[in-house]
């Protein structure tokens, strides 16, 4: 590895190894991942909660419109 004159010198008795930090982070993240299957992505979430969210937003807009109509009528 090439010497970087802008890197901080000293301060770390064992040195700073960003690749080691990345490996530790990946091990931490992969620890909770399901094993097997070969793929790293899980199945897509069911559409139920999304449909409920859209219906809730539409209902909120209708209620606000009704309140505004009653206030200005």
PDB file of N, CA and C in Angstrom:
ATOM      1  N   UNK A   1       0.842  -1.164   0.000  1.00  0.00           N
ATOM      2  CA  UNK A   1       0.000   0.000   0.000  1.00  0.00           C
ATOM      3  C   UNK A   1       0.894   1.235   0.000  1.00  0.00           C
ATOM      4  N   UNK A   2       0.505   2.254  -0.728  1.00  0.00           N
ATOM      5  CA  UNK A   2       1.292   3.471  -0.825  1.00  0.00           C
ATOM      6  C   UNK A   2       1.144   4.303   0.440  1.00  0.00           C
ATOM      7  N   UNK A   3       2.195   5.066   0.743  1.00  0.00           N
ATOM      8  CA  UNK A   3       2.166   5.940   1.916  1.00  0.00           C
ATOM      9  C   UNK A   3       1.340   7.173   1.595  1.00  0.00           C
ATOM     10  N   UNK A   4       0.431   7.525   2.483  1.00  0.00           N
ATOM     11  CA  UNK A   4      -0.406   8.708   2.315  1.00  0.00           C
ATOM     12  C   UNK A   4       0.097   9.782   3.274  1.00  0.00           C
ATOM     13  N   UNK A   5       0.706  10.865   2.751  1.00  0.00           N
ATOM     14  CA  UNK A   5       1.241  11.894   3.649  1.00  0.00           C
ATOM     15  C   UNK A   5       0.147  12.675   4.372  1.00  0.00           C
ATOM     16  N   UNK A   6      -1.090  12.636   3.899  1.00  0.00           N
ATOM     17  CA  UNK A   6      -2.179  13.374   4.534  1.00  0.00           C
ATOM     18  C   UNK A   6      -2.882  12.573   5.627  1.00  0.00           C
ATOM     19  N   UNK A   7      -2.579  11.304   5.736  1.00  0.00           N
ATOM     20  CA  UNK A   7      -3.201  10.467   6.750  1.00  0.00           C
ATOM     21  C   UNK A   7      -2.623  10.803   8.114  1.00  0.00           C
ATOM     22  N   UNK A   8      -3.452  10.761   9.161  1.00  0.00           N
ATOM     23  CA  UNK A   8      -2.927  11.034  10.501  1.00  0.00           C
ATOM     24  C   UNK A   8      -1.908   9.976  10.912  1.00  0.00           C
ATOM     25  N   UNK A   9      -0.851  10.430  11.530  1.00  0.00           N
ATOM     26  CA  UNK A   9       0.218   9.522  11.949  1.00  0.00           C
ATOM     27  C   UNK A   9       0.090   9.256  13.445  1.00  0.00           C
ATOM     28  N   UNK A  10       0.303   8.033  13.848  1.00  0.00           N
ATOM     29  CA  UNK A  10       0.259   7.693  15.264  1.00  0.00           C
ATOM     30  C   UNK A  10      -1.166   7.708  15.782  1.00  0.00           C
ATOM     31  N   UNK A  11      -1.308   7.709  17.103  1.00  0.00           N
ATOM     32  CA  UNK A  11      -2.623   7.761  17.706  1.00  0.00           C
ATOM     33  C   UNK A  11      -3.286   6.410  17.820  1.00  0.00           C
ATOM     34  N   UNK A  12      -3.009   5.505  16.914  1.00  0.00           N
ATOM     35  CA  UNK A  12      -3.565   4.157  16.942  1.00  0.00           C
ATOM     36  C   UNK A  12      -2.403   3.184  17.115  1.00  0.00           C
ATOM     37  N   UNK A  13      -2.307   2.551  18.283  1.00  0.00           N
ATOM     38  CA  UNK A  13      -1.162   1.657  18.493  1.00  0.00           C
ATOM     39  C   UNK A  13      -1.120   0.514  17.491  1.00  0.00           C
ATOM     40  N   UNK A  14      -2.272   0.064  17.019  1.00  0.00           N
ATOM     41  CA  UNK A  14      -2.290  -1.036  16.059  1.00  0.00           C
ATOM     42  C   UNK A  14      -2.494  -0.530  14.637  1.00  0.00           C
ATOM     43  N   UNK A  15      -2.631   0.757  14.441  1.00  0.00           N
ATOM     44  CA  UNK A  15      -2.894   1.302  13.125  1.00  0.00           C
ATOM     45  C   UNK A  15      -4.378   1.273  12.826  1.00  0.00           C
ATOM     46  N   UNK A  16      -4.777   1.943  11.780  1.00  0.00           N
ATOM     47  CA  UNK A  16      -6.185   1.995  11.391  1.00  0.00           C
ATOM     48  C   UNK A  16      -6.349   1.240  10.082  1.00  0.00           C
ATOM     49  N   UNK A  17      -7.163   0.212  10.108  1.00  0.00           N
ATOM     50  CA  UNK A  17      -7.375  -0.627   8.935  1.00  0.00           C
ATOM     51  C   UNK A  17      -8.831  -0.505   8.488  1.00  0.00           C
ATOM     52  N   UNK A  18      -9.126   0.376   7.512  1.00  0.00           N
ATOM     53  CA  UNK A  18     -10.518   0.522   7.089  1.00  0.00           C
ATOM     54  C   UNK A  18     -11.096  -0.767   6.523  1.00  0.00           C
ATOM     55  N   UNK A  19     -10.278  -1.591   5.887  1.00  0.00           N
ATOM     56  CA  UNK A  19     -10.803  -2.856   5.358  1.00  0.00           C
ATOM     57  C   UNK A  19     -11.247  -3.760   6.493  1.00  0.00           C
ATOM     58  N   UNK A  20     -10.519  -3.744   7.593  1.00  0.00           N
ATOM     59  CA  UNK A  20     -10.904  -4.540   8.750  1.00  0.00           C
ATOM     60  C   UNK A  20     -12.219  -4.050   9.332  1.00  0.00           C
ATOM     61  N   UNK A  21     -12.412  -2.744   9.389  1.00  0.00           N
ATOM     62  CA  UNK A  21     -13.666  -2.186   9.890  1.00  0.00           C
ATOM     63  C   UNK A  21     -14.824  -2.601   8.997  1.00  0.00           C
ATOM     64  N   UNK A  22     -14.602  -2.576   7.697  1.00  0.00           N
ATOM     65  CA  UNK A  22     -15.645  -2.964   6.761  1.00  0.00           C
ATOM     66  C   UNK A  22     -15.993  -4.436   6.941  1.00  0.00           C
ATOM     67  N   UNK A  23     -14.984  -5.256   7.138  1.00  0.00           N
ATOM     68  CA  UNK A  23     -15.242  -6.680   7.335  1.00  0.00           C
ATOM     69  C   UNK A  23     -16.026  -6.919   8.609  1.00  0.00           C
ATOM     70  N   UNK A  24     -15.717  -6.186   9.676  1.00  0.00           N
ATOM     71  CA  UNK A  24     -16.456  -6.326  10.926  1.00  0.00           C
ATOM     72  C   UNK A  24     -17.906  -5.881  10.742  1.00  0.00           C
ATOM     73  N   UNK A  25     -18.105  -4.776  10.003  1.00  0.00           N
ATOM     74  CA  UNK A  25     -19.458  -4.283   9.761  1.00  0.00           C
ATOM     75  C   UNK A  25     -20.268  -5.290   8.956  1.00  0.00           C
ATOM     76  N   UNK A  26     -19.678  -5.824   7.916  1.00  0.00           N
ATOM     77  CA  UNK A  26     -20.389  -6.814   7.097  1.00  0.00           C
ATOM     78  C   UNK A  26     -20.723  -8.058   7.899  1.00  0.00           C
ATOM     79  N   UNK A  27     -19.818  -8.480   8.772  1.00  0.00           N
ATOM     80  CA  UNK A  27     -20.097  -9.642   9.616  1.00  0.00           C
ATOM     81  C   UNK A  27     -21.261  -9.338  10.543  1.00  0.00           C
ATOM     82  N   UNK A  28     -21.324  -8.116  11.064  1.00  0.00           N
ATOM     83  CA  UNK A  28     -22.429  -7.719  11.943  1.00  0.00           C
ATOM     84  C   UNK A  28     -23.745  -7.695  11.179  1.00  0.00           C
ATOM     85  N   UNK A  29     -23.744  -7.143   9.976  1.00  0.00           N
ATOM     86  CA  UNK A  29     -24.967  -7.055   9.181  1.00  0.00           C
ATOM     87  C   UNK A  29     -25.421  -8.434   8.739  1.00  0.00           C
ATOM     88  N   UNK A  30     -24.487  -9.263   8.298  1.00  0.00           N
ATOM     89  CA  UNK A  30     -24.836 -10.591   7.803  1.00  0.00           C
ATOM     90  C   UNK A  30     -25.227 -11.543   8.923  1.00  0.00           C
ATOM     91  N   UNK A  31     -24.934 -11.184  10.167  1.00  0.00           N
ATOM     92  CA  UNK A  31     -25.243 -12.056  11.293  1.00  0.00           C
ATOM     93  C   UNK A  31     -26.744 -12.309  11.400  1.00  0.00           C
ATOM     94  N   UNK A  32     -27.569 -11.300  11.111  1.00  0.00           N
ATOM     95  CA  UNK A  32     -29.010 -11.451  11.211  1.00  0.00           C
ATOM     96  C   UNK A  32     -29.664 -11.901   9.922  1.00  0.00           C
ATOM     97  N   UNK A  33     -28.897 -12.049   8.859  1.00  0.00           N
ATOM     98  CA  UNK A  33     -29.460 -12.438   7.568  1.00  0.00           C
ATOM     99  C   UNK A  33     -29.838 -13.916   7.585  1.00  0.00           C
ATOM    100  N   UNK A  34     -30.915 -14.286   6.906  1.00  0.00           N
ATOM    101  CA  UNK A  34     -31.286 -15.700   6.843  1.00  0.00           C
ATOM    102  C   UNK A  34     -30.241 -16.496   6.078  1.00  0.00           C
ATOM    103  N   UNK A  35     -29.947 -17.659   6.562  1.00  0.00           N
ATOM    104  CA  UNK A  35     -28.937 -18.495   5.929  1.00  0.00           C
ATOM    105  C   UNK A  35     -29.591 -19.369   4.863  1.00  0.00           C
ATOM    106  N   UNK A  36     -28.865 -19.634   3.799  1.00  0.00           N
ATOM    107  CA  UNK A  36     -29.352 -20.510   2.737  1.00  0.00           C
ATOM    108  C   UNK A  36     -30.065 -19.727   1.662  1.00  0.00           C
ATOM    109  N   UNK A  37     -30.429 -20.417   0.601  1.00  0.00           N
ATOM    110  CA  UNK A  37     -31.142 -19.784  -0.493  1.00  0.00           C
ATOM    111  C   UNK A  37     -30.222 -19.191  -1.537  1.00  0.00           C
ATOM    112  N   UNK A  38     -28.996 -18.863  -1.172  1.00  0.00           N
ATOM    113  CA  UNK A  38     -28.042 -18.345  -2.132  1.00  0.00           C
ATOM    114  C   UNK A  38     -28.197 -16.866  -2.409  1.00  0.00           C
ATOM    115  N   UNK A  39     -29.405 -16.313  -2.368  1.00  0.00           N
ATOM    116  CA  UNK A  39     -29.614 -14.903  -2.647  1.00  0.00           C
ATOM    117  C   UNK A  39     -29.564 -14.081  -1.377  1.00  0.00           C
ATOM    118  N   UNK A  40     -29.194 -12.838  -1.513  1.00  0.00           N
ATOM    119  CA  UNK A  40     -29.091 -11.966  -0.345  1.00  0.00           C
ATOM    120  C   UNK A  40     -30.365 -11.160  -0.139  1.00  0.00           C
ATOM    121  N   UNK A  41     -31.252 -11.116  -1.133  1.00  0.00           N
ATOM    122  CA  UNK A  41     -32.477 -10.332  -1.002  1.00  0.00           C
ATOM    123  C   UNK A  41     -33.609 -11.205  -0.515  1.00  0.00           C
ATOM    124  N   UNK A  42     -34.446 -10.621   0.317  1.00  0.00           N
ATOM    125  CA  UNK A  42     -35.596 -11.365   0.815  1.00  0.00           C
ATOM    126  C   UNK A  42     -36.776 -11.162  -0.123  1.00  0.00           C
ATOM    127  N   UNK A  43     -37.831 -11.890   0.138  1.00  0.00           N
ATOM    128  CA  UNK A  43     -39.029 -11.776  -0.692  1.00  0.00           C
ATOM    129  C   UNK A  43     -39.645 -10.398  -0.501  1.00  0.00           C
ATOM    130  N   UNK A  44     -40.290  -9.853  -1.529  1.00  0.00           N
ATOM    131  CA  UNK A  44     -40.914  -8.539  -1.407  1.00  0.00           C
ATOM    132  C   UNK A  44     -42.046  -8.565  -0.378  1.00  0.00           C
ATOM    133  N   UNK A  45     -42.260  -7.429   0.242  1.00  0.00           N
ATOM    134  CA  UNK A  45     -43.308  -7.319   1.254  1.00  0.00           C
ATOM    135  C   UNK A  45     -44.674  -7.442   0.596  1.00  0.00           C
ATOM    136  N   UNK A  46     -45.659  -7.977   1.312  1.00  0.00           N
ATOM    137  CA  UNK A  46     -46.998  -8.071   0.735  1.00  0.00           C
ATOM    138  C   UNK A  46     -47.577  -6.682   0.479  1.00  0.00           C
ATOM    139  N   UNK A  47     -48.487  -6.599  -0.472  1.00  0.00           N
ATOM    140  CA  UNK A  47     -49.040  -5.309  -0.885  1.00  0.00           C
ATOM    141  C   UNK A  47     -50.098  -4.803   0.085  1.00  0.00           C
ATOM    142  N   UNK A  48     -50.512  -5.580   1.061  1.00  0.00           N
ATOM    143  CA  UNK A  48     -51.569  -5.186   1.990  1.00  0.00           C
ATOM    144  C   UNK A  48     -51.313  -3.872   2.708  1.00  0.00           C
ATOM    145  N   UNK A  49     -50.183  -3.700   3.387  1.00  0.00           N
ATOM    146  CA  UNK A  49     -49.937  -2.446   4.091  1.00  0.00           C
ATOM    147  C   UNK A  49     -49.876  -1.243   3.157  1.00  0.00           C
ATOM    148  N   UNK A  50     -49.381  -1.425   1.959  1.00  0.00           N
ATOM    149  CA  UNK A  50     -49.293  -0.318   1.009  1.00  0.00           C
ATOM    150  C   UNK A  50     -50.683   0.122   0.581  1.00  0.00           C
ATOM    151  N   UNK A  51     -51.567  -0.827   0.348  1.00  0.00           N
ATOM    152  CA  UNK A  51     -52.934  -0.495  -0.050  1.00  0.00           C
ATOM    153  C   UNK A  51     -53.634   0.249   1.088  1.00  0.00           C
ATOM    154  N   UNK A  52     -53.411  -0.187   2.316  1.00  0.00           N
ATOM    155  CA  UNK A  52     -54.004   0.484   3.467  1.00  0.00           C
ATOM    156  C   UNK A  52     -53.501   1.905   3.619  1.00  0.00           C
ATOM    157  N   UNK A  53     -52.225   2.113   3.365  1.00  0.00           N
ATOM    158  CA  UNK A  53     -51.654   3.447   3.452  1.00  0.00           C
ATOM    159  C   UNK A  53     -52.267   4.370   2.407  1.00  0.00           C
ATOM    160  N   UNK A  54     -52.392   3.889   1.190  1.00  0.00           N
ATOM    161  CA  UNK A  54     -52.981   4.696   0.119  1.00  0.00           C
ATOM    162  C   UNK A  54     -54.433   5.029   0.446  1.00  0.00           C
ATOM    163  N   UNK A  55     -55.184   4.038   0.943  1.00  0.00           N
ATOM    164  CA  UNK A  55     -56.584   4.283   1.305  1.00  0.00           C
ATOM    165  C   UNK A  55     -56.667   5.294   2.444  1.00  0.00           C
ATOM    166  N   UNK A  56     -55.764   5.235   3.398  1.00  0.00           N
ATOM    167  CA  UNK A  56     -55.755   6.188   4.501  1.00  0.00           C
ATOM    168  C   UNK A  56     -55.466   7.601   4.042  1.00  0.00           C
ATOM    169  N   UNK A  57     -54.533   7.749   3.113  1.00  0.00           N
ATOM    170  CA  UNK A  57     -54.211   9.077   2.579  1.00  0.00           C
ATOM    171  C   UNK A  57     -55.407   9.646   1.824  1.00  0.00           C
ATOM    172  N   UNK A  58     -56.048   8.819   1.015  1.00  0.00           N
ATOM    173  CA  UNK A  58     -57.216   9.281   0.261  1.00  0.00           C
ATOM    174  C   UNK A  58     -58.345   9.669   1.222  1.00  0.00           C
ATOM    175  N   UNK A  59     -58.568   8.864   2.250  1.00  0.00           N
ATOM    176  CA  UNK A  59     -59.611   9.181   3.229  1.00  0.00           C
ATOM    177  C   UNK A  59     -59.291  10.489   3.946  1.00  0.00           C
ATOM    178  N   UNK A  60     -58.041  10.714   4.282  1.00  0.00           N
ATOM    179  CA  UNK A  60     -57.635  11.969   4.927  1.00  0.00           C
ATOM    180  C   UNK A  60     -57.884  13.172   4.046  1.00  0.00           C
ATOM    181  N   UNK A  61     -57.596  13.042   2.749  1.00  0.00           N
ATOM    182  CA  UNK A  61     -57.843  14.142   1.815  1.00  0.00           C
ATOM    183  C   UNK A  61     -59.332  14.422   1.710  1.00  0.00           C
ATOM    184  N   UNK A  62     -60.149  13.369   1.666  1.00  0.00           N
ATOM    185  CA  UNK A  62     -61.605  13.546   1.587  1.00  0.00           C
ATOM    186  C   UNK A  62     -62.117  14.251   2.844  1.00  0.00           C
ATOM    187  N   UNK A  63     -61.627  13.855   4.011  1.00  0.00           N
ATOM    188  CA  UNK A  63     -62.070  14.479   5.260  1.00  0.00           C
ATOM    189  C   UNK A  63     -61.654  15.947   5.293  1.00  0.00           C
ATOM    190  N   UNK A  64     -60.420  16.249   4.911  1.00  0.00           N
ATOM    191  CA  UNK A  64     -59.978  17.644   4.885  1.00  0.00           C
ATOM    192  C   UNK A  64     -60.788  18.464   3.886  1.00  0.00           C
ATOM    193  N   UNK A  65     -61.104  17.864   2.755  1.00  0.00           N
ATOM    194  CA  UNK A  65     -61.943  18.567   1.777  1.00  0.00           C
ATOM    195  C   UNK A  65     -63.332  18.850   2.320  1.00  0.00           C
ATOM    196  N   UNK A  66     -63.911  17.877   3.030  1.00  0.00           N
ATOM    197  CA  UNK A  66     -65.242  18.077   3.610  1.00  0.00           C
ATOM    198  C   UNK A  66     -65.209  19.158   4.677  1.00  0.00           C
ATOM    199  N   UNK A  67     -64.172  19.179   5.517  1.00  0.00           N
ATOM    200  CA  UNK A  67     -64.056  20.208   6.546  1.00  0.00           C
ATOM    201  C   UNK A  67     -63.894  21.587   5.912  1.00  0.00           C
ATOM    202  N   UNK A  68     -63.063  21.684   4.875  1.00  0.00           N
ATOM    203  CA  UNK A  68     -62.890  22.960   4.191  1.00  0.00           C
ATOM    204  C   UNK A  68     -64.183  23.405   3.528  1.00  0.00           C
ATOM    205  N   UNK A  69     -64.913  22.481   2.931  1.00  0.00           N
ATOM    206  CA  UNK A  69     -66.177  22.834   2.271  1.00  0.00           C
ATOM    207  C   UNK A  69     -67.184  23.353   3.293  1.00  0.00           C
ATOM    208  N   UNK A  70     -67.266  22.692   4.453  1.00  0.00           N
ATOM    209  CA  UNK A  70     -68.185  23.152   5.504  1.00  0.00           C
ATOM    210  C   UNK A  70     -67.747  24.500   6.097  1.00  0.00           C
ATOM    211  N   UNK A  71     -66.450  24.723   6.189  1.00  0.00           N
ATOM    212  CA  UNK A  71     -65.951  25.986   6.761  1.00  0.00           C
ATOM    213  C   UNK A  71     -66.212  27.158   5.833  1.00  0.00           C
ATOM    214  N   UNK A  72     -66.115  26.944   4.533  1.00  0.00           N
ATOM    215  CA  UNK A  72     -66.272  28.051   3.572  1.00  0.00           C
ATOM    216  C   UNK A  72     -67.666  28.148   2.979  1.00  0.00           C
ATOM    217  N   UNK A  73     -68.564  27.222   3.306  1.00  0.00           N
ATOM    218  CA  UNK A  73     -69.909  27.231   2.742  1.00  0.00           C
ATOM    219  C   UNK A  73     -70.824  28.183   3.477  1.00  0.00           C
TER     220      UNK A  73
END
